[in-house]
C-alpha atoms as a PDB file:
ATOM      1  CA  MET A   1       0.243   0.038   0.015  1.00  0.00           C
ATOM      2  CA  PRO A   2       2.355   2.716  -1.105  1.00  0.00           C
ATOM      3  CA  TRP A   3       0.274   5.688  -0.702  1.00  0.00           C
ATOM      4  CA  PHE A   4      -1.307   4.726   2.760  1.00  0.00           C
ATOM      5  CA  GLN A   5      -1.055   7.495   5.406  1.00  0.00           C
ATOM      6  CA  GLY A   6      -2.820   5.958   8.173  1.00  0.00           C
ATOM      7  CA  ARG A   7      -1.391   3.973  11.012  1.00  0.00           C
ATOM      8  CA  ILE A   8      -1.343   0.328  11.591  1.00  0.00           C
ATOM      9  CA  LEU A   9      -2.177  -0.976  15.277  1.00  0.00           C
ATOM     10  CA  ILE A  10      -1.252  -4.631  16.014  1.00  0.00           C
ATOM     11  CA  ALA A  11      -2.553  -5.866  19.302  1.00  0.00           C
ATOM     12  CA  ARG A  12      -1.222  -9.242  20.315  1.00  0.00           C
ATOM     13  CA  SER A  13      -1.256 -11.748  22.871  1.00  0.00           C
ATOM     14  CA  ARG A  14       0.281 -15.508  23.047  1.00  0.00           C
ATOM     15  CA  SER A  15       2.902 -15.086  20.292  1.00  0.00           C
ATOM     16  CA  THR A  16       5.499 -17.490  19.778  1.00  0.00           C
ATOM     17  CA  GLN A  17       9.533 -16.294  19.242  1.00  0.00           C
ATOM     18  CA  GLU A  18       9.033 -17.366  15.505  1.00  0.00           C
ATOM     19  CA  GLY A  19       6.050 -15.464  15.016  1.00  0.00           C
ATOM     20  CA  GLU A  20       7.173 -12.228  16.920  1.00  0.00           C
ATOM     21  CA  GLY A  21      10.237 -12.455  14.698  1.00  0.00           C
ATOM     22  CA  ALA A  22       8.189 -12.556  11.490  1.00  0.00           C
ATOM     23  CA  LEU A  23       5.690  -9.992  12.613  1.00  0.00           C
ATOM     24  CA  LEU A  24       8.675  -7.453  13.352  1.00  0.00           C
ATOM     25  CA  ALA A  25      10.203  -8.179  10.089  1.00  0.00           C
ATOM     26  CA  THR A  26       7.219  -7.370   8.084  1.00  0.00           C
ATOM     27  CA  CYS A  27       6.328  -4.271  10.192  1.00  0.00           C
ATOM     28  CA  ARG A  28      10.095  -3.020   9.415  1.00  0.00           C
ATOM     29  CA  SER A  29       9.401  -3.320   5.870  1.00  0.00           C
ATOM     30  CA  LEU A  30       6.421  -1.004   5.842  1.00  0.00           C
ATOM     31  CA  ARG A  31       6.556   2.603   4.989  1.00  0.00           C
ATOM     32  CA  CYS A  32       3.838   3.698   7.152  1.00  0.00           C
ATOM     33  CA  THR A  33       3.453   4.261  10.903  1.00  0.00           C
ATOM     34  CA  TRP A  34       3.005   1.079  12.903  1.00  0.00           C
ATOM     35  CA  GLU A  35       2.928  -0.039  16.667  1.00  0.00           C
ATOM     36  CA  ILE A  36       2.691  -3.263  18.418  1.00  0.00           C
ATOM     37  CA  VAL A  37       0.648  -3.298  21.713  1.00  0.00           C
ATOM     38  CA  GLU A  38       1.052  -6.428  24.019  1.00  0.00           C
ATOM     39  CA  LEU A  39      -2.277  -7.492  25.494  1.00  0.00           C
ATOM     40  CA  ASP A  40      -2.273  -9.398  28.943  1.00  0.00           C
ATOM     41  CA  GLY A  41      -3.370 -12.744  29.188  1.00  0.00           C
ATOM     42  CA  THR A  42      -4.985 -15.241  26.831  1.00  0.00           C
ATOM     43  CA  LEU A  43      -7.798 -13.446  25.208  1.00  0.00           C
ATOM     44  CA  SER A  44     -10.554 -14.320  22.799  1.00  0.00           C
ATOM     45  CA  VAL A  45     -10.436 -12.686  19.477  1.00  0.00           C
ATOM     46  CA  ALA A  46     -13.603 -10.397  20.589  1.00  0.00           C
ATOM     47  CA  ALA A  47     -11.826  -9.604  24.010  1.00  0.00           C
ATOM     48  CA  GLY A  48      -8.615  -8.921  22.001  1.00  0.00           C
ATOM     49  CA  ARG A  49     -10.577  -6.325  19.708  1.00  0.00           C
ATOM     50  CA  ASN A  50     -12.093  -4.759  22.525  1.00  0.00           C
ATOM     51  CA  ARG A  51      -8.961  -4.069  24.335  1.00  0.00           C
ATOM     52  CA  ALA A  52      -7.194  -2.988  21.046  1.00  0.00           C
ATOM     53  CA  MET A  53      -9.937  -0.128  20.577  1.00  0.00           C
ATOM     54  CA  GLY A  54      -8.698   1.296  23.502  1.00  0.00           C
ATOM     55  CA  HIS A  55      -5.299   1.825  21.853  1.00  0.00           C
ATOM     56  CA  VAL A  56      -6.801   3.504  18.809  1.00  0.00           C
ATOM     57  CA  ALA A  57      -6.086   7.373  18.267  1.00  0.00           C
ATOM     58  CA  THR A  58      -7.590   7.870  14.775  1.00  0.00           C
ATOM     59  CA  GLN A  59     -10.822   8.693  13.675  1.00  0.00           C
ATOM     60  CA  TRP A  60     -11.535   5.438  11.862  1.00  0.00           C
ATOM     61  CA  ALA A  61     -10.495   1.963  12.720  1.00  0.00           C
ATOM     62  CA  LEU A  62     -10.712  -1.320  10.533  1.00  0.00           C
ATOM     63  CA  CYS A  63     -10.456  -4.192  12.677  1.00  0.00           C
ATOM     64  CA  LEU A  64      -8.979  -7.583  11.279  1.00  0.00           C
ATOM     65  CA  ASP A  65      -7.772 -10.628  13.001  1.00  0.00           C
ATOM     66  CA  ASP A  66      -5.292 -13.182  12.145  1.00  0.00           C
ATOM     67  CA  LYS A  67      -7.492 -14.928   9.395  1.00  0.00           C
ATOM     68  CA  PHE A  68      -7.405 -11.959   7.086  1.00  0.00           C
ATOM     69  CA  CYS A  69      -4.834 -11.583   4.403  1.00  0.00           C
ATOM     70  CA  LEU A  70      -4.910  -8.708   2.100  1.00  0.00           C
ATOM     71  CA  THR A  71      -3.503  -9.393  -1.072  1.00  0.00           C
ATOM     72  CA  GLY A  72      -3.675  -6.084  -2.865  1.00  0.00           C
ATOM     73  CA  ASP A  73      -4.066  -2.383  -1.957  1.00  0.00           C
ATOM     74  CA  PRO A  74      -7.276  -1.695  -0.321  1.00  0.00           C
ATOM     75  CA  VAL A  75      -7.084   1.931   0.319  1.00  0.00           C
ATOM     76  CA  GLY A  76      -8.819   3.059  -2.764  1.00  0.00           C
ATOM     77  CA  THR A  77     -11.973   0.729  -2.137  1.00  0.00           C
ATOM     78  CA  LEU A  78     -12.086   1.661   1.482  1.00  0.00           C
ATOM     79  CA  GLN A  79     -11.878   5.406   0.807  1.00  0.00           C
ATOM     80  CA  ARG A  80     -14.687   5.198  -1.663  1.00  0.00           C
ATOM     81  CA  GLU A  81     -16.861   3.038   0.817  1.00  0.00           C
ATOM     82  CA  ILE A  82     -16.085   5.790   3.611  1.00  0.00           C
ATOM     83  CA  ASP A  83     -17.232   8.590   1.161  1.00  0.00           C
ATOM     84  CA  SER A  84     -20.329   6.987   0.630  1.00  0.00           C
ATOM     85  CA  LEU A  85     -21.402   7.153   4.151  1.00  0.00           C
END
């Protein structure tokens, strides 16, 4: 997403060392602002999402979990959808 001007917030718990390394490597390759928030304990997806919302510092938030994989740049579509609200 070369023109993305937003901020990526990653809230995580229960990560392995291998998973943490892969996550950091991916984040460091991004050209946007990102932050990783460590959540306490073992949480369900819903509980993790609710706790993550307390760390959102922007007007809009798009919540995805580890089952989502963006294979293209979604920004144009998201902007059009938001503009239609």
